[in-house]
Amino acid sequence: MGAGARFMTITCLDQDDRFELYYHFDVDGSVLSLRAFVPRAASLPSISGVCFCAFLVENEVKELFGLNITDIAIDYKGHLLLAEGMT
């Protein structure tokens, strides 16, 4: 992946004992998807240090799936979608 790559989004699938993540990038007009398998109890480092805009999707995945993504550039601590105390 070269300098022309652009982060698009992350797809997360709950596979019982692990998560399956797809990182989608635009590379010169074509979509490149990178797949990662993450054990449920494991931590995953954020890519927001390299692709800053990933912090939004990473917060969403962290909140909705409970996946421990560490070192997110802006970490909403599980409150991206709902403010604390709201259900």
PDB file of N, CA and C in Angstrom:
ATOM      1  N   MET A   1       0.855  -1.161   0.000  1.00  0.00           N
ATOM      2  CA  MET A   1       0.000   0.000   0.000  1.00  0.00           C
ATOM      3  C   MET A   1       0.903   1.226   0.000  1.00  0.00           C
ATOM      4  N   GLY A   2       0.712   2.084  -0.969  1.00  0.00           N
ATOM      5  CA  GLY A   2       1.568   3.250  -1.093  1.00  0.00           C
ATOM      6  C   GLY A   2       0.949   4.508  -0.525  1.00  0.00           C
ATOM      7  N   ALA A   3       1.590   5.612  -0.822  1.00  0.00           N
ATOM      8  CA  ALA A   3       1.145   6.905  -0.305  1.00  0.00           C
ATOM      9  C   ALA A   3      -0.218   7.305  -0.864  1.00  0.00           C
ATOM     10  N   GLY A   4      -0.645   6.698  -1.964  1.00  0.00           N
ATOM     11  CA  GLY A   4      -1.932   7.027  -2.558  1.00  0.00           C
ATOM     12  C   GLY A   4      -3.106   6.308  -1.920  1.00  0.00           C
ATOM     13  N   ALA A   5      -2.854   5.496  -0.910  1.00  0.00           N
ATOM     14  CA  ALA A   5      -3.927   4.749  -0.255  1.00  0.00           C
ATOM     15  C   ALA A   5      -4.714   5.666   0.671  1.00  0.00           C
ATOM     16  N   ARG A   6      -6.028   5.426   0.739  1.00  0.00           N
ATOM     17  CA  ARG A   6      -6.911   6.233   1.577  1.00  0.00           C
ATOM     18  C   ARG A   6      -7.801   5.296   2.387  1.00  0.00           C
ATOM     19  N   PHE A   7      -7.812   5.489   3.702  1.00  0.00           N
ATOM     20  CA  PHE A   7      -8.657   4.676   4.575  1.00  0.00           C
ATOM     21  C   PHE A   7     -10.123   4.959   4.269  1.00  0.00           C
ATOM     22  N   MET A   8     -10.931   3.886   4.206  1.00  0.00           N
ATOM     23  CA  MET A   8     -12.357   4.035   3.956  1.00  0.00           C
ATOM     24  C   MET A   8     -13.174   3.699   5.201  1.00  0.00           C
ATOM     25  N   THR A   9     -13.067   2.470   5.677  1.00  0.00           N
ATOM     26  CA  THR A   9     -13.849   2.049   6.840  1.00  0.00           C
ATOM     27  C   THR A   9     -13.338   0.712   7.352  1.00  0.00           C
ATOM     28  N   ILE A  10     -13.958   0.251   8.428  1.00  0.00           N
ATOM     29  CA  ILE A  10     -13.671  -1.067   8.997  1.00  0.00           C
ATOM     30  C   ILE A  10     -14.986  -1.830   9.088  1.00  0.00           C
ATOM     31  N   THR A  11     -14.950  -3.089   8.726  1.00  0.00           N
ATOM     32  CA  THR A  11     -16.082  -3.984   8.929  1.00  0.00           C
ATOM     33  C   THR A  11     -15.685  -4.969  10.018  1.00  0.00           C
ATOM     34  N   CYS A  12     -16.542  -5.148  11.014  1.00  0.00           N
ATOM     35  CA  CYS A  12     -16.251  -6.075  12.107  1.00  0.00           C
ATOM     36  C   CYS A  12     -17.333  -7.146  12.161  1.00  0.00           C
ATOM     37  N   LEU A  13     -16.901  -8.385  12.231  1.00  0.00           N
ATOM     38  CA  LEU A  13     -17.818  -9.515  12.347  1.00  0.00           C
ATOM     39  C   LEU A  13     -17.525 -10.256  13.644  1.00  0.00           C
ATOM     40  N   ASP A  14     -18.560 -10.563  14.393  1.00  0.00           N
ATOM     41  CA  ASP A  14     -18.425 -11.318  15.635  1.00  0.00           C
ATOM     42  C   ASP A  14     -18.496 -12.799  15.287  1.00  0.00           C
ATOM     43  N   GLN A  15     -17.399 -13.504  15.478  1.00  0.00           N
ATOM     44  CA  GLN A  15     -17.311 -14.920  15.118  1.00  0.00           C
ATOM     45  C   GLN A  15     -17.226 -15.808  16.360  1.00  0.00           C
ATOM     46  N   ASP A  16     -18.028 -15.532  17.363  1.00  0.00           N
ATOM     47  CA  ASP A  16     -18.091 -16.286  18.622  1.00  0.00           C
ATOM     48  C   ASP A  16     -16.813 -16.170  19.448  1.00  0.00           C
ATOM     49  N   ASP A  17     -15.749 -16.881  19.075  1.00  0.00           N
ATOM     50  CA  ASP A  17     -14.528 -16.866  19.878  1.00  0.00           C
ATOM     51  C   ASP A  17     -13.524 -15.815  19.422  1.00  0.00           C
ATOM     52  N   ARG A  18     -13.835 -15.136  18.333  1.00  0.00           N
ATOM     53  CA  ARG A  18     -12.924 -14.118  17.803  1.00  0.00           C
ATOM     54  C   ARG A  18     -13.706 -13.101  16.978  1.00  0.00           C
ATOM     55  N   PHE A  19     -13.022 -12.016  16.671  1.00  0.00           N
ATOM     56  CA  PHE A  19     -13.572 -11.008  15.772  1.00  0.00           C
ATOM     57  C   PHE A  19     -12.836 -11.107  14.441  1.00  0.00           C
ATOM     58  N   GLU A  20     -13.565 -10.873  13.387  1.00  0.00           N
ATOM     59  CA  GLU A  20     -12.977 -10.817  12.059  1.00  0.00           C
ATOM     60  C   GLU A  20     -13.143  -9.377  11.576  1.00  0.00           C
ATOM     61  N   LEU A  21     -12.029  -8.714  11.339  1.00  0.00           N
ATOM     62  CA  LEU A  21     -12.070  -7.317  10.918  1.00  0.00           C
ATOM     63  C   LEU A  21     -11.551  -7.180   9.501  1.00  0.00           C
ATOM     64  N   TYR A  22     -12.205  -6.330   8.754  1.00  0.00           N
ATOM     65  CA  TYR A  22     -11.759  -5.985   7.411  1.00  0.00           C
ATOM     66  C   TYR A  22     -11.475  -4.489   7.392  1.00  0.00           C
ATOM     67  N   TYR A  23     -10.261  -4.146   7.075  1.00  0.00           N
ATOM     68  CA  TYR A  23      -9.874  -2.744   6.917  1.00  0.00           C
ATOM     69  C   TYR A  23      -9.935  -2.447   5.424  1.00  0.00           C
ATOM     70  N   HIS A  24     -10.767  -1.486   5.047  1.00  0.00           N
ATOM     71  CA  HIS A  24     -10.981  -1.176   3.635  1.00  0.00           C
ATOM     72  C   HIS A  24     -10.262   0.121   3.273  1.00  0.00           C
ATOM     73  N   PHE A  25      -9.499   0.058   2.189  1.00  0.00           N
ATOM     74  CA  PHE A  25      -8.743   1.208   1.706  1.00  0.00           C
ATOM     75  C   PHE A  25      -9.034   1.419   0.227  1.00  0.00           C
ATOM     76  N   ASP A  26      -9.013   2.672  -0.178  1.00  0.00           N
ATOM     77  CA  ASP A  26      -9.071   3.021  -1.596  1.00  0.00           C
ATOM     78  C   ASP A  26      -7.632   3.187  -2.061  1.00  0.00           C
ATOM     79  N   VAL A  27      -7.246   2.420  -3.054  1.00  0.00           N
ATOM     80  CA  VAL A  27      -5.906   2.521  -3.621  1.00  0.00           C
ATOM     81  C   VAL A  27      -6.058   2.791  -5.112  1.00  0.00           C
ATOM     82  N   ASP A  28      -5.848   4.028  -5.474  1.00  0.00           N
ATOM     83  CA  ASP A  28      -5.936   4.429  -6.885  1.00  0.00           C
ATOM     84  C   ASP A  28      -7.258   4.012  -7.527  1.00  0.00           C
ATOM     85  N   GLY A  29      -8.350   4.183  -6.799  1.00  0.00           N
ATOM     86  CA  GLY A  29      -9.673   3.898  -7.346  1.00  0.00           C
ATOM     87  C   GLY A  29     -10.147   2.468  -7.170  1.00  0.00           C
ATOM     88  N   SER A  30      -9.325   1.617  -6.596  1.00  0.00           N
ATOM     89  CA  SER A  30      -9.719   0.233  -6.324  1.00  0.00           C
ATOM     90  C   SER A  30      -9.775   0.017  -4.818  1.00  0.00           C
ATOM     91  N   VAL A  31     -10.663  -0.858  -4.391  1.00  0.00           N
ATOM     92  CA  VAL A  31     -10.795  -1.141  -2.961  1.00  0.00           C
ATOM     93  C   VAL A  31      -9.861  -2.293  -2.594  1.00  0.00           C
ATOM     94  N   LEU A  32      -9.051  -2.048  -1.575  1.00  0.00           N
ATOM     95  CA  LEU A  32      -8.185  -3.079  -1.008  1.00  0.00           C
ATOM     96  C   LEU A  32      -8.687  -3.352   0.397  1.00  0.00           C
ATOM     97  N   SER A  33      -8.996  -4.612   0.692  1.00  0.00           N
ATOM     98  CA  SER A  33      -9.481  -4.992   2.024  1.00  0.00           C
ATOM     99  C   SER A  33      -8.464  -5.912   2.676  1.00  0.00           C
ATOM    100  N   LEU A  34      -8.055  -5.542   3.874  1.00  0.00           N
ATOM    101  CA  LEU A  34      -7.123  -6.351   4.647  1.00  0.00           C
ATOM    102  C   LEU A  34      -7.891  -6.994   5.792  1.00  0.00           C
ATOM    103  N   ARG A  35      -7.720  -8.296   5.961  1.00  0.00           N
ATOM    104  CA  ARG A  35      -8.477  -9.037   6.971  1.00  0.00           C
ATOM    105  C   ARG A  35      -7.585  -9.361   8.162  1.00  0.00           C
ATOM    106  N   ALA A  36      -8.166  -9.230   9.344  1.00  0.00           N
ATOM    107  CA  ALA A  36      -7.462  -9.577  10.580  1.00  0.00           C
ATOM    108  C   ALA A  36      -8.401 -10.376  11.470  1.00  0.00           C
ATOM    109  N   PHE A  37      -7.865 -11.398  12.103  1.00  0.00           N
ATOM    110  CA  PHE A  37      -8.604 -12.177  13.092  1.00  0.00           C
ATOM    111  C   PHE A  37      -8.057 -11.809  14.460  1.00  0.00           C
ATOM    112  N   VAL A  38      -8.953 -11.456  15.371  1.00  0.00           N
ATOM    113  CA  VAL A  38      -8.540 -11.028  16.705  1.00  0.00           C
ATOM    114  C   VAL A  38      -9.290 -11.866  17.737  1.00  0.00           C
ATOM    115  N   PRO A  39      -8.565 -12.602  18.587  1.00  0.00           N
ATOM    116  CA  PRO A  39      -9.240 -13.355  19.649  1.00  0.00           C
ATOM    117  C   PRO A  39     -10.062 -12.419  20.534  1.00  0.00           C
ATOM    118  N   ARG A  40     -11.174 -12.905  21.011  1.00  0.00           N
ATOM    119  CA  ARG A  40     -12.108 -12.080  21.783  1.00  0.00           C
ATOM    120  C   ARG A  40     -11.430 -11.374  22.962  1.00  0.00           C
ATOM    121  N   ALA A  41     -10.525 -12.031  23.650  1.00  0.00           N
ATOM    122  CA  ALA A  41      -9.896 -11.449  24.840  1.00  0.00           C
ATOM    123  C   ALA A  41      -8.669 -10.589  24.514  1.00  0.00           C
ATOM    124  N   ALA A  42      -8.297 -10.508  23.266  1.00  0.00           N
ATOM    125  CA  ALA A  42      -7.076  -9.784  22.886  1.00  0.00           C
ATOM    126  C   ALA A  42      -7.333  -8.289  22.711  1.00  0.00           C
ATOM    127  N   SER A  43      -6.251  -7.547  22.680  1.00  0.00           N
ATOM    128  CA  SER A  43      -6.295  -6.119  22.374  1.00  0.00           C
ATOM    129  C   SER A  43      -5.773  -5.911  20.961  1.00  0.00           C
ATOM    130  N   LEU A  44      -6.262  -4.875  20.324  1.00  0.00           N
ATOM    131  CA  LEU A  44      -5.845  -4.548  18.967  1.00  0.00           C
ATOM    132  C   LEU A  44      -5.360  -3.108  18.951  1.00  0.00           C
ATOM    133  N   PRO A  45      -4.150  -2.847  18.470  1.00  0.00           N
ATOM    134  CA  PRO A  45      -3.682  -1.462  18.418  1.00  0.00           C
ATOM    135  C   PRO A  45      -4.424  -0.667  17.340  1.00  0.00           C
ATOM    136  N   SER A  46      -4.660   0.577  17.638  1.00  0.00           N
ATOM    137  CA  SER A  46      -5.349   1.475  16.715  1.00  0.00           C
ATOM    138  C   SER A  46      -4.468   1.794  15.509  1.00  0.00           C
ATOM    139  N   ILE A  47      -5.112   2.043  14.382  1.00  0.00           N
ATOM    140  CA  ILE A  47      -4.380   2.533  13.213  1.00  0.00           C
ATOM    141  C   ILE A  47      -4.527   4.049  13.084  1.00  0.00           C
ATOM    142  N   SER A  48      -5.184   4.683  14.065  1.00  0.00           N
ATOM    143  CA  SER A  48      -5.441   6.125  13.968  1.00  0.00           C
ATOM    144  C   SER A  48      -4.164   6.962  14.032  1.00  0.00           C
ATOM    145  N   GLY A  49      -3.065   6.378  14.465  1.00  0.00           N
ATOM    146  CA  GLY A  49      -1.793   7.088  14.425  1.00  0.00           C
ATOM    147  C   GLY A  49      -1.284   7.259  13.007  1.00  0.00           C
ATOM    148  N   VAL A  50      -1.723   6.370  12.121  1.00  0.00           N
ATOM    149  CA  VAL A  50      -1.326   6.418  10.713  1.00  0.00           C
ATOM    150  C   VAL A  50      -2.458   6.979   9.856  1.00  0.00           C
ATOM    151  N   CYS A  51      -3.678   6.544  10.140  1.00  0.00           N
ATOM    152  CA  CYS A  51      -4.883   7.004   9.433  1.00  0.00           C
ATOM    153  C   CYS A  51      -5.788   7.653  10.475  1.00  0.00           C
ATOM    154  N   PHE A  52      -5.585   8.945  10.714  1.00  0.00           N
ATOM    155  CA  PHE A  52      -6.268   9.629  11.812  1.00  0.00           C
ATOM    156  C   PHE A  52      -7.777   9.427  11.798  1.00  0.00           C
ATOM    157  N   CYS A  53      -8.393   9.497  10.626  1.00  0.00           N
ATOM    158  CA  CYS A  53      -9.858   9.419  10.553  1.00  0.00           C
ATOM    159  C   CYS A  53     -10.401   8.062  11.002  1.00  0.00           C
ATOM    160  N   ALA A  54      -9.550   7.074  11.156  1.00  0.00           N
ATOM    161  CA  ALA A  54      -9.992   5.755  11.621  1.00  0.00           C
ATOM    162  C   ALA A  54     -10.506   5.804  13.056  1.00  0.00           C
ATOM    163  N   PHE A  55     -10.182   6.869  13.796  1.00  0.00           N
ATOM    164  CA  PHE A  55     -10.594   6.930  15.200  1.00  0.00           C
ATOM    165  C   PHE A  55     -12.109   6.830  15.359  1.00  0.00           C
ATOM    166  N   LEU A  56     -12.879   7.352  14.421  1.00  0.00           N
ATOM    167  CA  LEU A  56     -14.340   7.279  14.538  1.00  0.00           C
ATOM    168  C   LEU A  56     -14.844   5.844  14.427  1.00  0.00           C
ATOM    169  N   VAL A  57     -14.397   5.140  13.415  1.00  0.00           N
ATOM    170  CA  VAL A  57     -14.852   3.762  13.214  1.00  0.00           C
ATOM    171  C   VAL A  57     -14.308   2.859  14.316  1.00  0.00           C
ATOM    172  N   GLU A  58     -13.083   3.106  14.750  1.00  0.00           N
ATOM    173  CA  GLU A  58     -12.523   2.298  15.833  1.00  0.00           C
ATOM    174  C   GLU A  58     -13.318   2.481  17.126  1.00  0.00           C
ATOM    175  N   ASN A  59     -13.732   3.696  17.420  1.00  0.00           N
ATOM    176  CA  ASN A  59     -14.583   3.925  18.594  1.00  0.00           C
ATOM    177  C   ASN A  59     -15.917   3.202  18.450  1.00  0.00           C
ATOM    178  N   GLU A  60     -16.469   3.218  17.263  1.00  0.00           N
ATOM    179  CA  GLU A  60     -17.738   2.536  17.020  1.00  0.00           C
ATOM    180  C   GLU A  60     -17.589   1.028  17.225  1.00  0.00           C
ATOM    181  N   VAL A  61     -16.541   0.440  16.667  1.00  0.00           N
ATOM    182  CA  VAL A  61     -16.296  -0.997  16.826  1.00  0.00           C
ATOM    183  C   VAL A  61     -16.063  -1.333  18.296  1.00  0.00           C
ATOM    184  N   LYS A  62     -15.304  -0.499  18.973  1.00  0.00           N
ATOM    185  CA  LYS A  62     -15.020  -0.715  20.396  1.00  0.00           C
ATOM    186  C   LYS A  62     -16.309  -0.708  21.214  1.00  0.00           C
ATOM    187  N   GLU A  63     -17.180   0.246  20.917  1.00  0.00           N
ATOM    188  CA  GLU A  63     -18.428   0.385  21.670  1.00  0.00           C
ATOM    189  C   GLU A  63     -19.448  -0.700  21.323  1.00  0.00           C
ATOM    190  N   LEU A  64     -19.615  -0.993  20.055  1.00  0.00           N
ATOM    191  CA  LEU A  64     -20.662  -1.925  19.639  1.00  0.00           C
ATOM    192  C   LEU A  64     -20.287  -3.395  19.814  1.00  0.00           C
ATOM    193  N   PHE A  65     -18.992  -3.705  19.670  1.00  0.00           N
ATOM    194  CA  PHE A  65     -18.559  -5.103  19.736  1.00  0.00           C
ATOM    195  C   PHE A  65     -17.785  -5.437  21.008  1.00  0.00           C
ATOM    196  N   GLY A  66     -17.335  -4.427  21.724  1.00  0.00           N
ATOM    197  CA  GLY A  66     -16.562  -4.677  22.937  1.00  0.00           C
ATOM    198  C   GLY A  66     -15.127  -5.080  22.671  1.00  0.00           C
ATOM    199  N   LEU A  67     -14.660  -4.872  21.456  1.00  0.00           N
ATOM    200  CA  LEU A  67     -13.275  -5.183  21.110  1.00  0.00           C
ATOM    201  C   LEU A  67     -12.367  -4.125  21.727  1.00  0.00           C
ATOM    202  N   ASN A  68     -11.334  -4.557  22.421  1.00  0.00           N
ATOM    203  CA  ASN A  68     -10.421  -3.620  23.073  1.00  0.00           C
ATOM    204  C   ASN A  68      -9.408  -3.087  22.064  1.00  0.00           C
ATOM    205  N   ILE A  69      -9.691  -1.914  21.520  1.00  0.00           N
ATOM    206  CA  ILE A  69      -8.769  -1.248  20.601  1.00  0.00           C
ATOM    207  C   ILE A  69      -8.010  -0.214  21.425  1.00  0.00           C
ATOM    208  N   THR A  70      -6.694  -0.321  21.421  1.00  0.00           N
ATOM    209  CA  THR A  70      -5.864   0.530  22.275  1.00  0.00           C
ATOM    210  C   THR A  70      -5.253   1.689  21.497  1.00  0.00           C
ATOM    211  N   ASP A  71      -4.949   2.746  22.220  1.00  0.00           N
ATOM    212  CA  ASP A  71      -4.233   3.914  21.682  1.00  0.00           C
ATOM    213  C   ASP A  71      -4.967   4.612  20.542  1.00  0.00           C
ATOM    214  N   ILE A  72      -6.291   4.690  20.630  1.00  0.00           N
ATOM    215  CA  ILE A  72      -7.068   5.427  19.632  1.00  0.00           C
ATOM    216  C   ILE A  72      -6.766   6.914  19.810  1.00  0.00           C
ATOM    217  N   ALA A  73      -6.532   7.615  18.713  1.00  0.00           N
ATOM    218  CA  ALA A  73      -6.147   9.034  18.764  1.00  0.00           C
ATOM    219  C   ALA A  73      -7.127   9.858  19.602  1.00  0.00           C
ATOM    220  N   ILE A  74      -8.414   9.681  19.381  1.00  0.00           N
ATOM    221  CA  ILE A  74      -9.451  10.305  20.209  1.00  0.00           C
ATOM    222  C   ILE A  74     -10.350   9.167  20.674  1.00  0.00           C
ATOM    223  N   ASP A  75     -10.222   8.807  21.943  1.00  0.00           N
ATOM    224  CA  ASP A  75     -10.946   7.664  22.494  1.00  0.00           C
ATOM    225  C   ASP A  75     -12.161   8.161  23.274  1.00  0.00           C
ATOM    226  N   TYR A  76     -13.343   7.813  22.810  1.00  0.00           N
ATOM    227  CA  TYR A  76     -14.582   8.229  23.465  1.00  0.00           C
ATOM    228  C   TYR A  76     -14.941   7.347  24.656  1.00  0.00           C
ATOM    229  N   LYS A  77     -14.108   6.376  24.965  1.00  0.00           N
ATOM    230  CA  LYS A  77     -14.283   5.517  26.151  1.00  0.00           C
ATOM    231  C   LYS A  77     -15.668   4.863  26.207  1.00  0.00           C
ATOM    232  N   GLY A  78     -16.147   4.411  25.049  1.00  0.00           N
ATOM    233  CA  GLY A  78     -17.430   3.720  25.011  1.00  0.00           C
ATOM    234  C   GLY A  78     -18.640   4.627  24.952  1.00  0.00           C
ATOM    235  N   HIS A  79     -18.428   5.917  24.696  1.00  0.00           N
ATOM    236  CA  HIS A  79     -19.548   6.862  24.668  1.00  0.00           C
ATOM    237  C   HIS A  79     -19.596   7.664  23.369  1.00  0.00           C
ATOM    238  N   LEU A  80     -19.223   7.044  22.274  1.00  0.00           N
ATOM    239  CA  LEU A  80     -19.315   7.724  20.981  1.00  0.00           C
ATOM    240  C   LEU A  80     -20.776   7.882  20.569  1.00  0.00           C
ATOM    241  N   LEU A  81     -21.543   6.818  20.701  1.00  0.00           N
ATOM    242  CA  LEU A  81     -22.923   6.828  20.216  1.00  0.00           C
ATOM    243  C   LEU A  81     -23.919   7.291  21.263  1.00  0.00           C
ATOM    244  N   LEU A  82     -23.680   6.955  22.513  1.00  0.00           N
ATOM    245  CA  LEU A  82     -24.585   7.359  23.590  1.00  0.00           C
ATOM    246  C   LEU A  82     -23.790   8.008  24.710  1.00  0.00           C
ATOM    247  N   ALA A  83     -24.298   9.091  25.216  1.00  0.00           N
ATOM    248  CA  ALA A  83     -23.659   9.744  26.353  1.00  0.00           C
ATOM    249  C   ALA A  83     -23.795   8.859  27.583  1.00  0.00           C
ATOM    250  N   GLU A  84     -22.921   9.048  28.531  1.00  0.00           N
ATOM    251  CA  GLU A  84     -22.960   8.265  29.759  1.00  0.00           C
ATOM    252  C   GLU A  84     -24.315   8.422  30.439  1.00  0.00           C
ATOM    253  N   GLY A  85     -24.869   7.314  30.888  1.00  0.00           N
ATOM    254  CA  GLY A  85     -26.158   7.335  31.571  1.00  0.00           C
ATOM    255  C   GLY A  85     -27.357   7.198  30.648  1.00  0.00           C
ATOM    256  N   MET A  86     -27.139   7.268  29.339  1.00  0.00           N
ATOM    257  CA  MET A  86     -28.249   7.117  28.388  1.00  0.00           C
ATOM    258  C   MET A  86     -28.284   5.684  27.889  1.00  0.00           C
ATOM    259  N   THR A  87     -29.480   5.129  27.818  1.00  0.00           N
ATOM    260  CA  THR A  87     -29.629   3.774  27.285  1.00  0.00           C
ATOM    261  C   THR A  87     -30.784   3.722  26.327  1.00  0.00           C
TER     262      THR A  87
END
